[in-house]
C-alpha atoms as a PDB file:
ATOM      1  CA  GLU A   1       3.762   7.221 -16.750  1.00  0.00           C
ATOM      2  CA  PHE A   2       1.973   9.663 -14.502  1.00  0.00           C
ATOM      3  CA  TYR A   3       4.168   8.923 -11.451  1.00  0.00           C
ATOM      4  CA  ASP A   4       7.355   9.603 -13.440  1.00  0.00           C
ATOM      5  CA  GLU A   5       5.989  12.986 -14.549  1.00  0.00           C
ATOM      6  CA  MET A   6       4.778  13.895 -11.045  1.00  0.00           C
ATOM      7  CA  ALA A   7       8.176  12.979  -9.580  1.00  0.00           C
ATOM      8  CA  LYS A   8       9.733  15.769 -11.670  1.00  0.00           C
ATOM      9  CA  LEU A   9       7.525  18.558 -10.274  1.00  0.00           C
ATOM     10  CA  PRO A  10       8.682  20.968  -7.550  1.00  0.00           C
ATOM     11  CA  GLY A  11       7.696  19.598  -4.152  1.00  0.00           C
ATOM     12  CA  CYS A  12       7.164  16.085  -5.508  1.00  0.00           C
ATOM     13  CA  LYS A  13      10.735  15.916  -6.841  1.00  0.00           C
ATOM     14  CA  GLU A  14      12.179  16.354  -3.362  1.00  0.00           C
ATOM     15  CA  MET A  15       9.817  13.781  -1.871  1.00  0.00           C
ATOM     16  CA  ALA A  16      10.706  11.289  -4.617  1.00  0.00           C
ATOM     17  CA  ALA A  17      14.431  11.850  -4.046  1.00  0.00           C
ATOM     18  CA  ALA A  18      13.927  11.155  -0.324  1.00  0.00           C
ATOM     19  CA  GLY A  19      11.929   7.987  -1.128  1.00  0.00           C
ATOM     20  CA  ASN A  20       8.693   9.361   0.310  1.00  0.00           C
ATOM     21  CA  LEU A  21       6.579   9.846  -2.834  1.00  0.00           C
ATOM     22  CA  LYS A  22       4.267   6.839  -3.171  1.00  0.00           C
ATOM     23  CA  PHE A  23       1.297   6.003  -5.358  1.00  0.00           C
ATOM     24  CA  PHE A  24      -1.694   3.704  -5.369  1.00  0.00           C
ATOM     25  CA  MET A  25      -3.411   2.715  -8.584  1.00  0.00           C
ATOM     26  CA  GLY A  26      -6.238   0.539  -9.770  1.00  0.00           C
ATOM     27  CA  HIS A  27      -8.084  -0.526 -12.894  1.00  0.00           C
ATOM     28  CA  THR A  28      -7.075  -4.161 -13.480  1.00  0.00           C
ATOM     29  CA  HIS A  29      -8.890  -5.473 -10.381  1.00  0.00           C
ATOM     30  CA  CYS A  30      -5.718  -6.886  -8.850  1.00  0.00           C
ATOM     31  CA  ASN A  31      -3.928  -6.276  -5.556  1.00  0.00           C
ATOM     32  CA  VAL A  32      -0.151  -6.395  -6.007  1.00  0.00           C
ATOM     33  CA  PRO A  33       2.819  -4.372  -4.803  1.00  0.00           C
ATOM     34  CA  HIS A  34       5.225  -2.703  -7.227  1.00  0.00           C
ATOM     35  CA  PRO A  35       3.301  -2.325 -10.494  1.00  0.00           C
ATOM     36  CA  HIS A  36       5.263  -1.256 -13.549  1.00  0.00           C
ATOM     37  CA  GLY A  37       8.659  -1.734 -11.883  1.00  0.00           C
ATOM     38  CA  HIS A  38       8.198   0.966  -9.230  1.00  0.00           C
ATOM     39  CA  ASN A  39       9.625  -1.096  -6.371  1.00  0.00           C
ATOM     40  CA  ASP A  40       8.826   0.270  -2.906  1.00  0.00           C
ATOM     41  CA  THR A  41       6.949   3.153  -4.532  1.00  0.00           C
ATOM     42  CA  GLY A  42       3.737   1.957  -6.198  1.00  0.00           C
ATOM     43  CA  PHE A  43       0.913  -0.325  -5.195  1.00  0.00           C
ATOM     44  CA  MET A  44      -1.989  -1.667  -7.255  1.00  0.00           C
ATOM     45  CA  VAL A  45      -5.045  -2.009  -5.020  1.00  0.00           C
ATOM     46  CA  ALA A  46      -8.079  -2.583  -7.197  1.00  0.00           C
ATOM     47  CA  GLY A  47      -9.057  -6.174  -6.391  1.00  0.00           C
ATOM     48  CA  GLN A  48     -12.167  -5.318  -4.452  1.00  0.00           C
ATOM     49  CA  GLY A  49     -14.427  -8.141  -5.560  1.00  0.00           C
ATOM     50  CA  MET A  50     -14.411  -7.577  -9.309  1.00  0.00           C
ATOM     51  CA  SER A  51     -13.277 -10.245 -11.751  1.00  0.00           C
ATOM     52  CA  GLY A  52      -9.610 -10.096 -12.692  1.00  0.00           C
ATOM     53  CA  CYS A  53      -6.959 -11.584 -10.430  1.00  0.00           C
ATOM     54  CA  ALA A  54      -9.518 -13.145  -8.095  1.00  0.00           C
ATOM     55  CA  ASN A  55      -8.105 -11.425  -5.042  1.00  0.00           C
ATOM     56  CA  TYR A  56      -9.801  -9.225  -2.521  1.00  0.00           C
ATOM     57  CA  GLY A  57      -8.094  -7.505   0.350  1.00  0.00           C
ATOM     58  CA  ILE A  58      -7.592  -4.444   2.467  1.00  0.00           C
ATOM     59  CA  PRO A  59      -4.443  -2.314   2.076  1.00  0.00           C
ATOM     60  CA  VAL A  60      -3.344  -0.067   4.950  1.00  0.00           C
ATOM     61  CA  PHE A  61      -0.838   2.769   4.448  1.00  0.00           C
ATOM     62  CA  ASP A  62       0.846   3.657   7.750  1.00  0.00           C
ATOM     63  CA  THR A  63       3.259   6.573   8.223  1.00  0.00           C
ATOM     64  CA  THR A  64       3.609   6.482  12.006  1.00  0.00           C
ATOM     65  CA  GLU A  65       6.882   6.069  13.923  1.00  0.00           C
ATOM     66  CA  ASP A  66       8.832   7.806  11.108  1.00  0.00           C
ATOM     67  CA  ARG A  67       8.249   4.880   8.732  1.00  0.00           C
ATOM     68  CA  ASN A  68       6.446   4.305   5.435  1.00  0.00           C
ATOM     69  CA  ARG A  69       4.602   1.003   5.681  1.00  0.00           C
ATOM     70  CA  VAL A  70       2.016  -0.757   3.555  1.00  0.00           C
ATOM     71  CA  PHE A  71       0.234  -3.749   5.034  1.00  0.00           C
ATOM     72  CA  TYR A  72      -2.095  -5.933   2.983  1.00  0.00           C
ATOM     73  CA  PHE A  73      -4.814  -7.981   4.651  1.00  0.00           C
ATOM     74  CA  ASP A  74      -5.903 -10.778   2.312  1.00  0.00           C
ATOM     75  CA  ALA A  75      -9.657 -11.307   2.438  1.00  0.00           C
ATOM     76  CA  SER A  76     -10.076 -13.359  -0.722  1.00  0.00           C
ATOM     77  CA  THR A  77     -11.793 -16.301   0.946  1.00  0.00           C
ATOM     78  CA  GLU A  78     -14.716 -16.343   3.328  1.00  0.00           C
ATOM     79  CA  ASP A  79     -12.480 -17.648   6.138  1.00  0.00           C
ATOM     80  CA  ALA A  80      -9.800 -15.007   5.516  1.00  0.00           C
ATOM     81  CA  PHE A  81     -12.424 -12.254   5.344  1.00  0.00           C
ATOM     82  CA  ASN A  82     -14.045 -13.397   8.592  1.00  0.00           C
ATOM     83  CA  ASN A  83     -10.685 -13.705  10.381  1.00  0.00           C
ATOM     84  CA  VAL A  84      -9.555 -10.239   9.321  1.00  0.00           C
ATOM     85  CA  THR A  85     -12.813  -8.414   9.955  1.00  0.00           C
ATOM     86  CA  SER A  86     -13.476 -10.022  13.341  1.00  0.00           C
ATOM     87  CA  CYS A  87      -9.892  -9.367  14.484  1.00  0.00           C
ATOM     88  CA  VAL A  88      -9.935  -5.737  13.336  1.00  0.00           C
ATOM     89  CA  LYS A  89     -13.367  -5.114  14.856  1.00  0.00           C
ATOM     90  CA  GLY A  90     -12.322  -6.679  18.142  1.00  0.00           C
ATOM     91  CA  LYS A  91      -8.736  -5.463  18.516  1.00  0.00           C
ATOM     92  CA  GLY A  92      -7.997  -2.773  15.917  1.00  0.00           C
ATOM     93  CA  TRP A  93      -5.885  -3.342  12.814  1.00  0.00           C
ATOM     94  CA  ARG A  94      -2.518  -2.861  14.536  1.00  0.00           C
ATOM     95  CA  SER A  95      -3.196  -5.883  16.754  1.00  0.00           C
ATOM     96  CA  CYS A  96      -3.977  -8.021  13.699  1.00  0.00           C
ATOM     97  CA  LEU A  97      -0.747  -7.615  11.730  1.00  0.00           C
ATOM     98  CA  SER A  98      -0.093 -11.349  11.969  1.00  0.00           C
ATOM     99  CA  LEU A  99      -2.888 -11.642   9.384  1.00  0.00           C
ATOM    100  CA  ALA A 100      -1.274  -9.107   7.033  1.00  0.00           C
ATOM    101  CA  GLU A 101       1.471  -9.269   4.441  1.00  0.00           C
ATOM    102  CA  THR A 102       3.995  -6.440   4.663  1.00  0.00           C
ATOM    103  CA  TRP A 103       4.383  -4.874   1.234  1.00  0.00           C
ATOM    104  CA  LEU A 104       6.605  -2.028   2.395  1.00  0.00           C
ATOM    105  CA  ASP A 105       8.483  -1.097   5.559  1.00  0.00           C
ATOM    106  CA  GLN A 106      11.077   1.634   5.234  1.00  0.00           C
ATOM    107  CA  PRO A 107      12.224   4.606   7.287  1.00  0.00           C
ATOM    108  CA  ARG A 108      10.778   7.983   6.365  1.00  0.00           C
ATOM    109  CA  THR A 109      13.480  10.398   5.403  1.00  0.00           C
ATOM    110  CA  LYS A 110      13.193  14.137   5.556  1.00  0.00           C
ATOM    111  CA  SER A 111      12.394  15.830   2.259  1.00  0.00           C
ATOM    112  CA  VAL A 112      14.171  19.107   1.665  1.00  0.00           C
ATOM    113  CA  VAL A 113      12.304  21.560  -0.562  1.00  0.00           C
ATOM    114  CA  VAL A 114      14.497  24.167  -2.229  1.00  0.00           C
END
């Protein structure tokens, strides 16, 4: 796989060893964490209204506060979509995390490049 090859390259290798090299992928029109066994590393985010897994949502990748976090806001129904979009428009996404599923929350570690 592409990620496995990238994780061997200088610069990427050190980030992968520190747990900071992540990837997002698409194609099958599904939104799921951890495709292809890459737990806490990869995220499939391609369910944006196309047929497939019948899900639609908004992923957010957050690297503030020395953490790697992925939040997923489900918007697959009209009610869910309206709740998420009105909350985010009115308060900003950080104030709407009660509407999100946490796919990843881990401390960022320092990568050492040699």
